Amino acid sequence: WARNLGVLLERECHLGRVADPWAGAWAVEHATAAMAEAAWARVRAIEAAGGLADPALVASLRRDVAATAAARIDAVQRDALPLVGVTRHRPPQPCADPPPPEPGVLTLAQHAAAGGER
């Protein structure tokens, strides 16, 4: 796969037909940097408030997570937060048959029946 990646990018993505194939990659880099900075700011605020050893802070974080989860679930249910493959671009009909097992891969039931051994 790795050996053929260049050929795939050239033939399927037509990277050789545009002047600057990586133009626009800055948007991903900018979003990643902004997300990382916001995460570090949140970590620094948690540490300044006493860290996760403080039970009141942990309770506050749990309330924040629960409120965010509830808001997102509500948004998905109201179709205000689209999820590709779930609320947008649903398959025409649900698949009733489970996928066939891969050779050499145990199902969870088989793994449990074997005592959880590797």
N, C-alpha and C. Protein backbone atom coordinates (compact mmCIF):
# COMPACT_ATOMS: atom_id res chain seq x y z
N TRP A 1 0.84 -1.18 0.00
CA TRP A 1 0.00 0.00 0.00
C TRP A 1 0.88 1.24 0.00
N ALA A 2 1.86 1.27 0.90
CA ALA A 2 2.72 2.45 1.01
C ALA A 2 3.50 2.67 -0.28
N ARG A 3 3.92 1.60 -0.90
CA ARG A 3 4.69 1.71 -2.14
C ARG A 3 3.85 2.31 -3.26
N ASN A 4 2.58 2.02 -3.27
CA ASN A 4 1.70 2.48 -4.35
C ASN A 4 0.99 3.80 -4.04
N LEU A 5 1.23 4.37 -2.87
CA LEU A 5 0.51 5.58 -2.48
C LEU A 5 0.77 6.73 -3.45
N GLY A 6 2.01 6.90 -3.88
CA GLY A 6 2.32 7.98 -4.83
C GLY A 6 1.59 7.81 -6.14
N VAL A 7 1.54 6.58 -6.62
CA VAL A 7 0.83 6.31 -7.88
C VAL A 7 -0.66 6.57 -7.70
N LEU A 8 -1.20 6.15 -6.56
CA LEU A 8 -2.62 6.37 -6.27
C LEU A 8 -2.93 7.87 -6.25
N LEU A 9 -2.10 8.65 -5.55
CA LEU A 9 -2.33 10.09 -5.49
C LEU A 9 -2.23 10.73 -6.87
N GLU A 10 -1.30 10.27 -7.65
CA GLU A 10 -1.13 10.84 -9.00
C GLU A 10 -2.28 10.49 -9.91
N ARG A 11 -2.66 9.22 -9.95
CA ARG A 11 -3.67 8.77 -10.92
C ARG A 11 -5.10 9.01 -10.45
N GLU A 12 -5.39 8.77 -9.18
CA GLU A 12 -6.77 8.89 -8.70
C GLU A 12 -7.10 10.31 -8.25
N CYS A 13 -6.13 11.01 -7.65
CA CYS A 13 -6.37 12.36 -7.14
C CYS A 13 -5.91 13.44 -8.10
N HIS A 14 -5.23 13.03 -9.17
CA HIS A 14 -4.76 13.95 -10.21
C HIS A 14 -3.88 15.06 -9.65
N LEU A 15 -2.99 14.70 -8.72
CA LEU A 15 -2.13 15.71 -8.12
C LEU A 15 -1.15 16.31 -9.11
N GLY A 16 -0.83 15.59 -10.19
CA GLY A 16 0.08 16.13 -11.18
C GLY A 16 -0.56 17.11 -12.14
N ARG A 17 -1.88 17.29 -12.06
CA ARG A 17 -2.60 18.15 -13.00
C ARG A 17 -2.92 19.54 -12.45
N VAL A 18 -2.52 19.80 -11.22
CA VAL A 18 -2.80 21.12 -10.63
C VAL A 18 -1.49 21.81 -10.31
N ALA A 19 -1.53 23.14 -10.25
CA ALA A 19 -0.31 23.90 -10.02
C ALA A 19 0.23 23.69 -8.60
N ASP A 20 -0.66 23.66 -7.61
CA ASP A 20 -0.24 23.50 -6.21
C ASP A 20 -1.18 22.51 -5.53
N PRO A 21 -0.83 21.21 -5.55
CA PRO A 21 -1.75 20.20 -5.03
C PRO A 21 -2.00 20.32 -3.53
N TRP A 22 -1.11 20.94 -2.79
CA TRP A 22 -1.28 21.02 -1.34
C TRP A 22 -1.89 22.35 -0.90
N ALA A 23 -2.30 23.17 -1.84
CA ALA A 23 -2.94 24.43 -1.48
C ALA A 23 -4.20 24.13 -0.68
N GLY A 24 -4.40 24.87 0.36
CA GLY A 24 -5.55 24.63 1.22
C GLY A 24 -5.22 23.79 2.42
N ALA A 25 -4.05 23.13 2.42
CA ALA A 25 -3.66 22.32 3.58
C ALA A 25 -3.47 23.20 4.81
N TRP A 26 -3.22 24.48 4.59
CA TRP A 26 -3.06 25.40 5.71
C TRP A 26 -4.31 25.45 6.57
N ALA A 27 -5.48 25.24 5.97
CA ALA A 27 -6.72 25.28 6.73
C ALA A 27 -6.76 24.17 7.77
N VAL A 28 -6.31 22.99 7.39
CA VAL A 28 -6.26 21.87 8.33
C VAL A 28 -5.23 22.17 9.42
N GLU A 29 -4.07 22.68 9.03
CA GLU A 29 -3.03 23.01 10.00
C GLU A 29 -3.52 24.08 10.97
N HIS A 30 -4.22 25.09 10.47
CA HIS A 30 -4.74 26.16 11.31
C HIS A 30 -5.76 25.61 12.30
N ALA A 31 -6.68 24.78 11.82
CA ALA A 31 -7.70 24.20 12.70
C ALA A 31 -7.07 23.32 13.77
N THR A 32 -6.07 22.53 13.38
CA THR A 32 -5.38 21.67 14.34
C THR A 32 -4.67 22.49 15.39
N ALA A 33 -3.97 23.54 14.98
CA ALA A 33 -3.26 24.39 15.93
C ALA A 33 -4.23 25.09 16.88
N ALA A 34 -5.36 25.56 16.37
CA ALA A 34 -6.35 26.23 17.21
C ALA A 34 -6.94 25.26 18.22
N MET A 35 -7.22 24.04 17.80
CA MET A 35 -7.78 23.05 18.70
C MET A 35 -6.77 22.67 19.78
N ALA A 36 -5.51 22.51 19.40
CA ALA A 36 -4.46 22.18 20.37
C ALA A 36 -4.29 23.30 21.38
N GLU A 37 -4.31 24.53 20.93
CA GLU A 37 -4.15 25.67 21.85
C GLU A 37 -5.32 25.74 22.83
N ALA A 38 -6.53 25.52 22.34
CA ALA A 38 -7.70 25.54 23.22
C ALA A 38 -7.63 24.40 24.24
N ALA A 39 -7.16 23.23 23.81
CA ALA A 39 -7.04 22.10 24.73
C ALA A 39 -6.00 22.40 25.81
N TRP A 40 -4.86 22.97 25.41
CA TRP A 40 -3.83 23.28 26.40
C TRP A 40 -4.31 24.36 27.36
N ALA A 41 -5.07 25.31 26.88
CA ALA A 41 -5.62 26.35 27.76
C ALA A 41 -6.54 25.71 28.80
N ARG A 42 -7.33 24.75 28.36
CA ARG A 42 -8.23 24.04 29.29
C ARG A 42 -7.45 23.23 30.32
N VAL A 43 -6.38 22.55 29.87
CA VAL A 43 -5.54 21.77 30.79
C VAL A 43 -4.88 22.70 31.81
N ARG A 44 -4.36 23.83 31.36
CA ARG A 44 -3.73 24.78 32.28
C ARG A 44 -4.74 25.32 33.29
N ALA A 45 -5.98 25.55 32.86
CA ALA A 45 -7.02 26.03 33.79
C ALA A 45 -7.35 24.96 34.83
N ILE A 46 -7.41 23.72 34.40
CA ILE A 46 -7.69 22.62 35.34
C ILE A 46 -6.56 22.50 36.35
N GLU A 47 -5.32 22.57 35.88
CA GLU A 47 -4.17 22.49 36.78
C GLU A 47 -4.15 23.67 37.75
N ALA A 48 -4.47 24.88 37.28
CA ALA A 48 -4.48 26.06 38.14
C ALA A 48 -5.57 25.96 39.20
N ALA A 49 -6.66 25.24 38.90
CA ALA A 49 -7.76 25.08 39.85
C ALA A 49 -7.51 23.96 40.85
N GLY A 50 -6.36 23.31 40.78
CA GLY A 50 -6.04 22.26 41.75
C GLY A 50 -5.89 20.89 41.14
N GLY A 51 -6.16 20.75 39.87
CA GLY A 51 -5.98 19.47 39.19
C GLY A 51 -7.10 18.49 39.48
N LEU A 52 -6.96 17.31 38.96
CA LEU A 52 -8.01 16.30 39.07
C LEU A 52 -8.06 15.64 40.44
N ALA A 53 -7.19 16.03 41.35
CA ALA A 53 -7.25 15.51 42.72
C ALA A 53 -8.34 16.20 43.51
N ASP A 54 -8.84 17.31 43.03
CA ASP A 54 -9.89 18.07 43.71
C ASP A 54 -11.25 17.50 43.34
N PRO A 55 -11.97 16.89 44.30
CA PRO A 55 -13.27 16.28 43.98
C PRO A 55 -14.30 17.27 43.44
N ALA A 56 -14.27 18.51 43.90
CA ALA A 56 -15.23 19.51 43.41
C ALA A 56 -14.98 19.81 41.95
N LEU A 57 -13.70 19.88 41.56
CA LEU A 57 -13.36 20.14 40.17
C LEU A 57 -13.78 18.96 39.29
N VAL A 58 -13.55 17.74 39.78
CA VAL A 58 -13.96 16.56 39.01
C VAL A 58 -15.48 16.55 38.82
N ALA A 59 -16.23 16.89 39.87
CA ALA A 59 -17.69 16.94 39.76
C ALA A 59 -18.11 18.00 38.75
N SER A 60 -17.43 19.14 38.77
CA SER A 60 -17.74 20.21 37.81
C SER A 60 -17.46 19.76 36.38
N LEU A 61 -16.33 19.09 36.17
CA LEU A 61 -16.00 18.58 34.83
C LEU A 61 -17.03 17.56 34.37
N ARG A 62 -17.46 16.69 35.28
CA ARG A 62 -18.48 15.69 34.91
C ARG A 62 -19.78 16.37 34.51
N ARG A 63 -20.17 17.42 35.23
CA ARG A 63 -21.39 18.16 34.86
C ARG A 63 -21.22 18.81 33.49
N ASP A 64 -20.04 19.38 33.23
CA ASP A 64 -19.79 20.00 31.93
C ASP A 64 -19.88 18.98 30.80
N VAL A 65 -19.27 17.81 31.00
CA VAL A 65 -19.29 16.76 29.98
C VAL A 65 -20.72 16.27 29.76
N ALA A 66 -21.46 16.06 30.84
CA ALA A 66 -22.85 15.59 30.72
C ALA A 66 -23.71 16.63 29.99
N ALA A 67 -23.51 17.90 30.30
CA ALA A 67 -24.29 18.96 29.63
C ALA A 67 -23.94 19.04 28.14
N THR A 68 -22.66 18.92 27.81
CA THR A 68 -22.25 18.95 26.41
C THR A 68 -22.81 17.75 25.66
N ALA A 69 -22.74 16.56 26.29
CA ALA A 69 -23.28 15.36 25.65
C ALA A 69 -24.78 15.49 25.42
N ALA A 70 -25.50 15.99 26.41
CA ALA A 70 -26.95 16.16 26.27
C ALA A 70 -27.28 17.15 25.16
N ALA A 71 -26.52 18.23 25.08
CA ALA A 71 -26.76 19.23 24.03
C ALA A 71 -26.49 18.65 22.65
N ARG A 72 -25.44 17.86 22.52
CA ARG A 72 -25.13 17.26 21.22
C ARG A 72 -26.15 16.21 20.83
N ILE A 73 -26.59 15.40 21.78
CA ILE A 73 -27.63 14.40 21.49
C ILE A 73 -28.90 15.10 21.04
N ASP A 74 -29.27 16.17 21.73
CA ASP A 74 -30.45 16.94 21.36
C ASP A 74 -30.30 17.52 19.95
N ALA A 75 -29.10 18.04 19.64
CA ALA A 75 -28.87 18.63 18.31
C ALA A 75 -28.96 17.57 17.22
N VAL A 76 -28.44 16.37 17.49
CA VAL A 76 -28.53 15.28 16.51
C VAL A 76 -29.99 14.87 16.32
N GLN A 77 -30.73 14.76 17.41
CA GLN A 77 -32.14 14.36 17.31
C GLN A 77 -32.98 15.40 16.58
N ARG A 78 -32.64 16.69 16.73
CA ARG A 78 -33.36 17.75 16.03
C ARG A 78 -32.85 17.94 14.61
N ASP A 79 -31.84 17.18 14.23
CA ASP A 79 -31.20 17.25 12.92
C ASP A 79 -30.46 18.57 12.72
N ALA A 80 -30.06 19.20 13.83
CA ALA A 80 -29.28 20.43 13.77
C ALA A 80 -27.79 20.13 13.68
N LEU A 81 -27.39 18.92 14.05
CA LEU A 81 -26.00 18.49 13.97
C LEU A 81 -25.96 17.26 13.07
N PRO A 82 -25.64 17.46 11.78
CA PRO A 82 -25.66 16.32 10.86
C PRO A 82 -24.48 15.38 11.10
N LEU A 83 -24.75 14.11 11.04
CA LEU A 83 -23.73 13.07 11.13
C LEU A 83 -23.76 12.27 9.83
N VAL A 84 -22.67 12.31 9.09
CA VAL A 84 -22.61 11.62 7.80
C VAL A 84 -22.79 10.12 8.05
N GLY A 85 -23.70 9.53 7.32
CA GLY A 85 -23.97 8.11 7.44
C GLY A 85 -24.97 7.77 8.53
N VAL A 86 -25.34 8.75 9.36
CA VAL A 86 -26.31 8.51 10.43
C VAL A 86 -27.55 9.36 10.19
N THR A 87 -27.37 10.68 10.14
CA THR A 87 -28.51 11.55 9.87
C THR A 87 -28.47 12.12 8.47
N ARG A 88 -27.31 12.08 7.83
CA ARG A 88 -27.16 12.53 6.44
C ARG A 88 -26.63 11.36 5.63
N HIS A 89 -27.12 11.24 4.42
CA HIS A 89 -26.67 10.20 3.49
C HIS A 89 -26.84 8.80 4.10
N ARG A 90 -28.01 8.58 4.64
CA ARG A 90 -28.30 7.26 5.21
C ARG A 90 -28.30 6.21 4.10
N PRO A 91 -27.94 4.96 4.44
CA PRO A 91 -28.03 3.92 3.43
C PRO A 91 -29.49 3.72 3.03
N PRO A 92 -29.76 3.28 1.80
CA PRO A 92 -31.14 3.15 1.35
C PRO A 92 -31.96 2.19 2.21
N GLN A 93 -31.33 1.14 2.69
CA GLN A 93 -32.00 0.22 3.60
C GLN A 93 -30.96 -0.37 4.53
N PRO A 94 -31.32 -0.56 5.77
CA PRO A 94 -30.33 -1.09 6.70
C PRO A 94 -29.93 -2.52 6.33
N CYS A 95 -28.70 -2.85 6.59
CA CYS A 95 -28.20 -4.19 6.31
C CYS A 95 -28.61 -5.11 7.45
N ALA A 96 -29.35 -6.16 7.13
CA ALA A 96 -29.83 -7.09 8.15
C ALA A 96 -28.79 -8.15 8.48
N ASP A 97 -27.91 -8.45 7.55
CA ASP A 97 -26.93 -9.50 7.77
C ASP A 97 -25.65 -8.92 8.36
N PRO A 98 -25.11 -9.58 9.41
CA PRO A 98 -23.83 -9.11 9.94
C PRO A 98 -22.72 -9.40 8.93
N PRO A 99 -21.64 -8.63 8.97
CA PRO A 99 -20.55 -8.90 8.04
C PRO A 99 -19.92 -10.24 8.34
N PRO A 100 -19.40 -10.90 7.33
CA PRO A 100 -18.76 -12.20 7.58
C PRO A 100 -17.51 -12.01 8.42
N PRO A 101 -17.20 -12.98 9.28
CA PRO A 101 -16.01 -12.85 10.12
C PRO A 101 -14.74 -12.94 9.28
N GLU A 102 -13.73 -12.20 9.69
CA GLU A 102 -12.45 -12.26 8.99
C GLU A 102 -11.72 -13.52 9.43
N PRO A 103 -11.00 -14.16 8.52
CA PRO A 103 -10.27 -15.37 8.90
C PRO A 103 -9.24 -15.05 9.98
N GLY A 104 -9.24 -15.86 11.02
CA GLY A 104 -8.27 -15.69 12.09
C GLY A 104 -8.65 -14.66 13.13
N VAL A 105 -9.81 -14.02 12.98
CA VAL A 105 -10.25 -13.01 13.94
C VAL A 105 -11.43 -13.58 14.72
N LEU A 106 -11.32 -13.58 16.05
CA LEU A 106 -12.38 -14.12 16.89
C LEU A 106 -13.46 -13.08 17.11
N THR A 107 -14.70 -13.53 17.18
CA THR A 107 -15.78 -12.64 17.58
C THR A 107 -15.69 -12.48 19.10
N LEU A 108 -16.42 -11.50 19.65
CA LEU A 108 -16.39 -11.32 21.09
C LEU A 108 -16.89 -12.56 21.82
N ALA A 109 -17.92 -13.21 21.28
CA ALA A 109 -18.45 -14.42 21.90
C ALA A 109 -17.41 -15.54 21.89
N GLN A 110 -16.72 -15.70 20.77
CA GLN A 110 -15.67 -16.73 20.69
C GLN A 110 -14.53 -16.43 21.65
N HIS A 111 -14.18 -15.14 21.77
CA HIS A 111 -13.10 -14.73 22.67
C HIS A 111 -13.49 -15.01 24.11
N ALA A 112 -14.74 -14.71 24.48
CA ALA A 112 -15.21 -14.95 25.84
C ALA A 112 -15.27 -16.44 26.12
N ALA A 113 -15.72 -17.25 25.12
CA ALA A 113 -15.80 -18.70 25.31
C ALA A 113 -14.43 -19.32 25.49
N ALA A 114 -13.41 -18.69 24.91
CA ALA A 114 -12.05 -19.19 25.06
C ALA A 114 -11.42 -18.72 26.36
N GLY A 115 -12.17 -18.06 27.20
CA GLY A 115 -11.64 -17.60 28.48
C GLY A 115 -10.85 -16.33 28.36
N GLY A 116 -11.00 -15.61 27.27
CA GLY A 116 -10.29 -14.35 27.10
C GLY A 116 -8.82 -14.52 26.81
N GLU A 117 -8.40 -15.73 26.49
CA GLU A 117 -6.97 -15.99 26.19
C GLU A 117 -6.64 -15.46 24.81
N ARG A 118 -5.41 -15.04 24.64
CA ARG A 118 -4.96 -14.59 23.33
C ARG A 118 -4.59 -15.76 22.48
